[in-house]
PDB file of N, CA and C in Angstrom:
ATOM      1  N   MET A   1       0.852  -1.206   0.000  1.00  0.00           N
ATOM      2  CA  MET A   1       0.000   0.000   0.000  1.00  0.00           C
ATOM      3  C   MET A   1       0.883   1.250   0.000  1.00  0.00           C
ATOM      4  N   MET A   2       1.870   1.277   0.892  1.00  0.00           N
ATOM      5  CA  MET A   2       2.743   2.472   0.965  1.00  0.00           C
ATOM      6  C   MET A   2       3.534   2.611  -0.345  1.00  0.00           C
ATOM      7  N   GLN A   3       4.026   1.498  -0.866  1.00  0.00           N
ATOM      8  CA  GLN A   3       4.837   1.582  -2.092  1.00  0.00           C
ATOM      9  C   GLN A   3       4.017   2.164  -3.244  1.00  0.00           C
ATOM     10  N   THR A   4       2.783   1.753  -3.356  1.00  0.00           N
ATOM     11  CA  THR A   4       1.956   2.243  -4.470  1.00  0.00           C
ATOM     12  C   THR A   4       1.818   3.761  -4.392  1.00  0.00           C
ATOM     13  N   GLY A   5       1.508   4.283  -3.213  1.00  0.00           N
ATOM     14  CA  GLY A   5       1.325   5.741  -3.064  1.00  0.00           C
ATOM     15  C   GLY A   5       2.664   6.458  -3.209  1.00  0.00           C
ATOM     16  N   ASP A   6       3.695   5.961  -2.549  1.00  0.00           N
ATOM     17  CA  ASP A   6       5.011   6.628  -2.624  1.00  0.00           C
ATOM     18  C   ASP A   6       5.522   6.635  -4.069  1.00  0.00           C
ATOM     19  N   GLU A   7       5.346   5.527  -4.767  1.00  0.00           N
ATOM     20  CA  GLU A   7       5.875   5.457  -6.143  1.00  0.00           C
ATOM     21  C   GLU A   7       5.132   6.441  -7.054  1.00  0.00           C
ATOM     22  N   ASP A   8       3.844   6.580  -6.821  1.00  0.00           N
ATOM     23  CA  ASP A   8       3.050   7.491  -7.672  1.00  0.00           C
ATOM     24  C   ASP A   8       3.547   8.929  -7.520  1.00  0.00           C
ATOM     25  N   VAL A   9       3.851   9.329  -6.311  1.00  0.00           N
ATOM     26  CA  VAL A   9       4.272  10.731  -6.066  1.00  0.00           C
ATOM     27  C   VAL A   9       5.646  11.015  -6.693  1.00  0.00           C
ATOM     28  N   PRO A  10       6.670  10.218  -6.366  1.00  0.00           N
ATOM     29  CA  PRO A  10       8.021  10.486  -6.900  1.00  0.00           C
ATOM     30  C   PRO A  10       8.070  10.336  -8.420  1.00  0.00           C
ATOM     31  N   LEU A  11       7.359   9.379  -8.950  1.00  0.00           N
ATOM     32  CA  LEU A  11       7.388   9.162 -10.406  1.00  0.00           C
ATOM     33  C   LEU A  11       6.778  10.369 -11.120  1.00  0.00           C
ATOM     34  N   ARG A  12       5.726  10.917 -10.542  1.00  0.00           N
ATOM     35  CA  ARG A  12       5.022  12.038 -11.189  1.00  0.00           C
ATOM     36  C   ARG A  12       5.832  13.331 -10.980  1.00  0.00           C
ATOM     37  N   ASP A  13       6.223  13.606  -9.773  1.00  0.00           N
ATOM     38  CA  ASP A  13       6.956  14.866  -9.500  1.00  0.00           C
ATOM     39  C   ASP A  13       8.391  14.769 -10.023  1.00  0.00           C
ATOM     40  N   GLY A  14       9.157  13.852  -9.479  1.00  0.00           N
ATOM     41  CA  GLY A  14      10.549  13.720  -9.915  1.00  0.00           C
ATOM     42  C   GLY A  14      11.439  13.265  -8.764  1.00  0.00           C
ATOM     43  N   GLN A  15      12.748  13.336  -8.943  1.00  0.00           N
ATOM     44  CA  GLN A  15      13.655  12.879  -7.873  1.00  0.00           C
ATOM     45  C   GLN A  15      13.663  13.869  -6.706  1.00  0.00           C
ATOM     46  N   GLU A  16      13.575  15.143  -7.013  1.00  0.00           N
ATOM     47  CA  GLU A  16      13.630  16.155  -5.941  1.00  0.00           C
ATOM     48  C   GLU A  16      12.471  15.984  -4.956  1.00  0.00           C
ATOM     49  N   THR A  17      11.326  15.552  -5.447  1.00  0.00           N
ATOM     50  CA  THR A  17      10.166  15.396  -4.551  1.00  0.00           C
ATOM     51  C   THR A  17      10.190  14.026  -3.867  1.00  0.00           C
ATOM     52  N   LEU A  18      11.075  13.156  -4.265  1.00  0.00           N
ATOM     53  CA  LEU A  18      11.095  11.808  -3.685  1.00  0.00           C
ATOM     54  C   LEU A  18      11.373  11.851  -2.175  1.00  0.00           C
ATOM     55  N   PRO A  19      12.444  12.520  -1.745  1.00  0.00           N
ATOM     56  CA  PRO A  19      12.798  12.554  -0.312  1.00  0.00           C
ATOM     57  C   PRO A  19      11.766  13.322   0.515  1.00  0.00           C
ATOM     58  N   GLU A  20      11.225  14.398  -0.040  1.00  0.00           N
ATOM     59  CA  GLU A  20      10.269  15.214   0.749  1.00  0.00           C
ATOM     60  C   GLU A  20       8.962  14.460   1.009  1.00  0.00           C
ATOM     61  N   PRO A  21       8.261  14.005  -0.019  1.00  0.00           N
ATOM     62  CA  PRO A  21       6.979  13.316   0.173  1.00  0.00           C
ATOM     63  C   PRO A  21       7.174  11.947   0.823  1.00  0.00           C
ATOM     64  N   VAL A  22       8.295  11.316   0.578  1.00  0.00           N
ATOM     65  CA  VAL A  22       8.544   9.979   1.156  1.00  0.00           C
ATOM     66  C   VAL A  22       8.704  10.092   2.673  1.00  0.00           C
ATOM     67  N   GLU A  23       9.359  11.155   3.127  1.00  0.00           N
ATOM     68  CA  GLU A  23       9.579  11.301   4.580  1.00  0.00           C
ATOM     69  C   GLU A  23       8.245  11.526   5.306  1.00  0.00           C
ATOM     70  N   LEU A  24       7.401  12.366   4.740  1.00  0.00           N
ATOM     71  CA  LEU A  24       6.119  12.687   5.413  1.00  0.00           C
ATOM     72  C   LEU A  24       5.224  11.443   5.505  1.00  0.00           C
ATOM     73  N   PRO A  25       4.940  10.771   4.389  1.00  0.00           N
ATOM     74  CA  PRO A  25       4.063   9.594   4.419  1.00  0.00           C
ATOM     75  C   PRO A  25       4.713   8.438   5.183  1.00  0.00           C
ATOM     76  N   ASN A  26       6.014   8.303   5.080  1.00  0.00           N
ATOM     77  CA  ASN A  26       6.700   7.206   5.787  1.00  0.00           C
ATOM     78  C   ASN A  26       6.605   7.399   7.300  1.00  0.00           C
ATOM     79  N   ALA A  27       6.703   8.647   7.746  1.00  0.00           N
ATOM     80  CA  ALA A  27       6.671   8.924   9.194  1.00  0.00           C
ATOM     81  C   ALA A  27       5.267   8.626   9.739  1.00  0.00           C
ATOM     82  N   GLU A  28       4.240   8.938   8.972  1.00  0.00           N
ATOM     83  CA  GLU A  28       2.861   8.726   9.476  1.00  0.00           C
ATOM     84  C   GLU A  28       2.573   7.225   9.659  1.00  0.00           C
ATOM     85  N   PRO A  29       2.743   6.407   8.623  1.00  0.00           N
ATOM     86  CA  PRO A  29       2.465   4.972   8.745  1.00  0.00           C
ATOM     87  C   PRO A  29       3.446   4.305   9.703  1.00  0.00           C
ATOM     88  N   ARG A  30       4.648   4.834   9.809  1.00  0.00           N
ATOM     89  CA  ARG A  30       5.649   4.230  10.702  1.00  0.00           C
ATOM     90  C   ARG A  30       5.147   4.313  12.148  1.00  0.00           C
ATOM     91  N   LYS A  31       4.616   5.448  12.527  1.00  0.00           N
ATOM     92  CA  LYS A  31       4.135   5.617  13.917  1.00  0.00           C
ATOM     93  C   LYS A  31       3.023   4.591  14.195  1.00  0.00           C
ATOM     94  N   GLY A  32       2.095   4.469  13.258  1.00  0.00           N
ATOM     95  CA  GLY A  32       0.981   3.534  13.467  1.00  0.00           C
ATOM     96  C   GLY A  32       1.501   2.094  13.563  1.00  0.00           C
ATOM     97  N   ALA A  33       2.393   1.725  12.671  1.00  0.00           N
ATOM     98  CA  ALA A  33       2.926   0.352  12.678  1.00  0.00           C
ATOM     99  C   ALA A  33       3.648   0.097  14.005  1.00  0.00           C
ATOM    100  N   HIS A  34       4.387   1.081  14.475  1.00  0.00           N
ATOM    101  CA  HIS A  34       5.131   0.903  15.738  1.00  0.00           C
ATOM    102  C   HIS A  34       4.153   0.628  16.880  1.00  0.00           C
ATOM    103  N   GLU A  35       3.080   1.399  16.931  1.00  0.00           N
ATOM    104  CA  GLU A  35       2.099   1.223  18.022  1.00  0.00           C
ATOM    105  C   GLU A  35       1.465  -0.165  17.914  1.00  0.00           C
ATOM    106  N   ASP A  36       1.114  -0.563  16.702  1.00  0.00           N
ATOM    107  CA  ASP A  36       0.485  -1.878  16.511  1.00  0.00           C
ATOM    108  C   ASP A  36       1.460  -2.989  16.917  1.00  0.00           C
ATOM    109  N   GLU A  37       2.697  -2.848  16.505  1.00  0.00           N
ATOM    110  CA  GLU A  37       3.702  -3.883  16.822  1.00  0.00           C
ATOM    111  C   GLU A  37       3.950  -3.934  18.329  1.00  0.00           C
ATOM    112  N   ARG A  38       3.853  -2.802  18.973  1.00  0.00           N
ATOM    113  CA  ARG A  38       4.120  -2.741  20.420  1.00  0.00           C
ATOM    114  C   ARG A  38       3.183  -3.720  21.150  1.00  0.00           C
ATOM    115  N   GLY A  39       1.932  -3.721  20.777  1.00  0.00           N
ATOM    116  CA  GLY A  39       0.962  -4.588  21.477  1.00  0.00           C
ATOM    117  C   GLY A  39       1.308  -6.070  21.293  1.00  0.00           C
ATOM    118  N   PRO A  40       1.317  -6.559  20.053  1.00  0.00           N
ATOM    119  CA  PRO A  40       1.595  -7.970  19.794  1.00  0.00           C
ATOM    120  C   PRO A  40       3.021  -8.347  20.199  1.00  0.00           C
ATOM    121  N   ARG A  41       3.916  -7.410  20.147  1.00  0.00           N
ATOM    122  CA  ARG A  41       5.329  -7.713  20.470  1.00  0.00           C
ATOM    123  C   ARG A  41       5.431  -8.047  21.962  1.00  0.00           C
ATOM    124  N   GLN A  42       4.781  -7.277  22.791  1.00  0.00           N
ATOM    125  CA  GLN A  42       4.881  -7.523  24.241  1.00  0.00           C
ATOM    126  C   GLN A  42       4.314  -8.913  24.560  1.00  0.00           C
ATOM    127  N   GLY A  43       3.177  -9.242  23.960  1.00  0.00           N
ATOM    128  CA  GLY A  43       2.550 -10.543  24.238  1.00  0.00           C
ATOM    129  C   GLY A  43       3.477 -11.683  23.813  1.00  0.00           C
ATOM    130  N   ALA A  44       4.062 -11.578  22.643  1.00  0.00           N
ATOM    131  CA  ALA A  44       4.945 -12.645  22.143  1.00  0.00           C
ATOM    132  C   ALA A  44       6.150 -12.789  23.081  1.00  0.00           C
ATOM    133  N   CYS A  45       6.672 -11.684  23.555  1.00  0.00           N
ATOM    134  CA  CYS A  45       7.859 -11.728  24.435  1.00  0.00           C
ATOM    135  C   CYS A  45       7.480 -12.401  25.761  1.00  0.00           C
ATOM    136  N   GLU A  46       6.288 -12.083  26.247  1.00  0.00           N
ATOM    137  CA  GLU A  46       5.862 -12.647  27.540  1.00  0.00           C
ATOM    138  C   GLU A  46       5.616 -14.156  27.402  1.00  0.00           C
ATOM    139  N   ASP A  47       5.120 -14.578  26.262  1.00  0.00           N
ATOM    140  CA  ASP A  47       4.822 -16.009  26.066  1.00  0.00           C
ATOM    141  C   ASP A  47       6.071 -16.871  26.312  1.00  0.00           C
ATOM    142  N   PRO A  48       7.154 -16.615  25.568  1.00  0.00           N
ATOM    143  CA  PRO A  48       8.375 -17.421  25.732  1.00  0.00           C
ATOM    144  C   PRO A  48       9.011 -17.182  27.101  1.00  0.00           C
ATOM    145  N   ALA A  49       8.906 -15.977  27.618  1.00  0.00           N
ATOM    146  CA  ALA A  49       9.536 -15.657  28.913  1.00  0.00           C
ATOM    147  C   ALA A  49       8.810 -16.406  30.034  1.00  0.00           C
ATOM    148  N   THR A  50       7.501 -16.447  29.983  1.00  0.00           N
ATOM    149  CA  THR A  50       6.738 -17.138  31.047  1.00  0.00           C
ATOM    150  C   THR A  50       6.967 -18.650  30.953  1.00  0.00           C
ATOM    151  N   ARG A  51       7.128 -19.123  29.754  1.00  0.00           N
ATOM    152  CA  ARG A  51       7.324 -20.572  29.565  1.00  0.00           C
ATOM    153  C   ARG A  51       8.633 -20.946  30.245  1.00  0.00           C
TER     154      ARG A  51
END
């Protein structure tokens, strides 16, 4: 999903817009993914640790 949107922007604008638009969209989804991973990550760590 991210690749499709990121590729559309840089391909249309150019190389100069690649770093600018990529940083903004990458930072937004990155925060969400981190929060989501935090939940399942803690549970997985506790499973093997409790065992």
